[in-house]
Protein backbone atom coordinates (compact mmCIF):
# COMPACT_ATOMS: atom_id res chain seq x y z
CA UNK A 1 59.96 -74.22 -22.55
CA UNK A 2 56.92 -76.35 -23.25
CA UNK A 3 56.06 -78.85 -25.92
CA UNK A 4 52.31 -78.89 -26.65
CA UNK A 5 51.14 -81.97 -28.51
CA UNK A 6 47.72 -80.59 -29.33
CA UNK A 7 45.94 -83.39 -31.20
CA UNK A 8 48.92 -85.75 -31.03
CA UNK A 9 48.37 -86.85 -27.42
CA UNK A 10 46.82 -90.25 -28.25
CA UNK A 11 50.15 -92.03 -27.67
CA UNK A 12 50.74 -90.50 -24.24
CA UNK A 13 48.61 -89.45 -21.30
CA UNK A 14 50.56 -86.19 -21.13
CA UNK A 15 49.59 -83.65 -23.82
CA UNK A 16 51.91 -80.91 -22.46
CA UNK A 17 55.57 -81.28 -21.50
CA UNK A 18 57.15 -78.43 -19.49
CA UNK A 19 60.73 -77.38 -18.92
CA UNK A 20 63.94 -78.92 -20.19
CA UNK A 21 63.25 -82.21 -18.40
CA UNK A 22 59.76 -82.34 -19.87
CA UNK A 23 61.01 -81.75 -23.41
CA UNK A 24 63.69 -84.43 -22.93
CA UNK A 25 60.98 -86.81 -21.68
CA UNK A 26 58.86 -86.06 -24.74
CA UNK A 27 61.71 -86.85 -27.12
CA UNK A 28 62.67 -90.04 -25.25
CA UNK A 29 59.09 -91.28 -25.56
CA UNK A 30 58.57 -90.09 -29.13
CA UNK A 31 61.84 -91.43 -30.52
CA UNK A 32 61.68 -94.80 -28.72
CA UNK A 33 59.88 -96.46 -31.65
CA UNK A 34 62.04 -95.06 -34.45
CA UNK A 35 65.53 -95.26 -35.86
CA UNK A 36 67.23 -93.05 -38.44
CA UNK A 37 64.96 -90.19 -37.33
CA UNK A 38 65.37 -86.80 -38.97
CA UNK A 39 63.23 -83.71 -39.04
CA UNK A 40 63.22 -80.66 -41.28
CA UNK A 41 61.44 -77.33 -40.73
CA UNK A 42 60.79 -75.07 -43.70
CA UNK A 43 58.56 -72.27 -45.02
CA UNK A 44 58.60 -70.12 -41.84
CA UNK A 45 55.83 -67.53 -41.51
CA UNK A 46 56.29 -64.60 -39.13
CA UNK A 47 53.32 -64.26 -36.79
CA UNK A 48 54.70 -61.68 -34.36
CA UNK A 49 56.27 -63.43 -31.36
CA UNK A 50 55.39 -66.74 -33.00
CA UNK A 51 56.57 -68.46 -36.16
CA UNK A 52 54.60 -71.08 -38.08
CA UNK A 53 56.68 -73.72 -39.82
CA UNK A 54 55.96 -76.77 -41.91
CA UNK A 55 57.79 -79.77 -40.51
CA UNK A 56 58.64 -83.04 -42.22
CA UNK A 57 59.65 -85.97 -40.01
CA UNK A 58 61.31 -88.98 -41.63
CA UNK A 59 62.24 -92.18 -39.84
CA UNK A 60 62.16 -95.95 -39.92
CA UNK A 61 60.18 -98.08 -37.46
CA UNK A 62 62.52 -99.91 -35.07
CA UNK A 63 60.51 -103.12 -35.14
CA UNK A 64 59.04 -103.04 -38.62
CA UNK A 65 61.79 -101.30 -40.55
CA UNK A 66 59.04 -99.46 -42.45
CA UNK A 67 59.99 -95.93 -43.49
CA UNK A 68 57.60 -93.12 -42.54
CA UNK A 69 57.25 -89.51 -43.56
CA UNK A 70 54.95 -87.18 -41.67
CA UNK A 71 54.21 -83.58 -42.67
CA UNK A 72 52.60 -81.29 -40.09
CA UNK A 73 52.55 -77.73 -38.81
CA UNK A 74 54.23 -76.31 -35.74
CA UNK A 75 53.94 -72.98 -33.95
CA UNK A 76 57.12 -71.80 -32.25
CA UNK A 77 56.71 -69.06 -29.64
CA UNK A 78 59.77 -66.90 -28.96
CA UNK A 79 60.73 -64.83 -25.93
CA UNK A 80 64.00 -62.92 -25.78
CA UNK A 81 65.18 -64.69 -28.94
CA UNK A 82 64.62 -68.20 -27.54
CA UNK A 83 61.93 -70.74 -28.31
CA UNK A 84 59.76 -71.08 -25.20
CA UNK A 85 56.88 -73.16 -26.61
CA UNK A 86 56.31 -75.50 -29.52
CA UNK A 87 52.76 -76.41 -30.49
CA UNK A 88 52.15 -79.31 -32.86
CA UNK A 89 49.20 -79.22 -35.26
CA UNK A 90 47.95 -81.73 -37.83
CA UNK A 91 48.76 -79.49 -40.78
CA UNK A 92 50.28 -76.20 -41.83
CA UNK A 93 46.76 -74.85 -42.37
CA UNK A 94 45.79 -75.75 -38.77
CA UNK A 95 48.91 -74.04 -37.43
CA UNK A 96 48.28 -70.89 -39.47
CA UNK A 97 44.64 -70.75 -38.35
CA UNK A 98 45.73 -71.14 -34.71
CA UNK A 99 47.68 -67.86 -34.98
CA UNK A 100 44.94 -66.06 -36.95
CA UNK A 101 46.45 -66.43 -40.44
CA UNK A 102 45.41 -68.21 -43.63
CA UNK A 103 47.40 -69.80 -46.44
């Protein structure tokens, strides 16, 4: 399994996290600044062995208490029925284009 941050690597010097330990490390780092974090994936688009989804993240800043909502695209790659890679893109359009599709 790998977690590919694509354009979201500004907050870490590691744009790709590999294996279960890598994915756990990603989430520890990512969630450190938030509380009440929730994420929702919707509008899946079949792209062969990959699926493009729109993802909405909602949380509250731990220090500021300010609520955030972030909408972006993700590409999930499947092998043998399991997700083996997640790629994060700025938008649904970017994710669709990355797999050769348009909205």
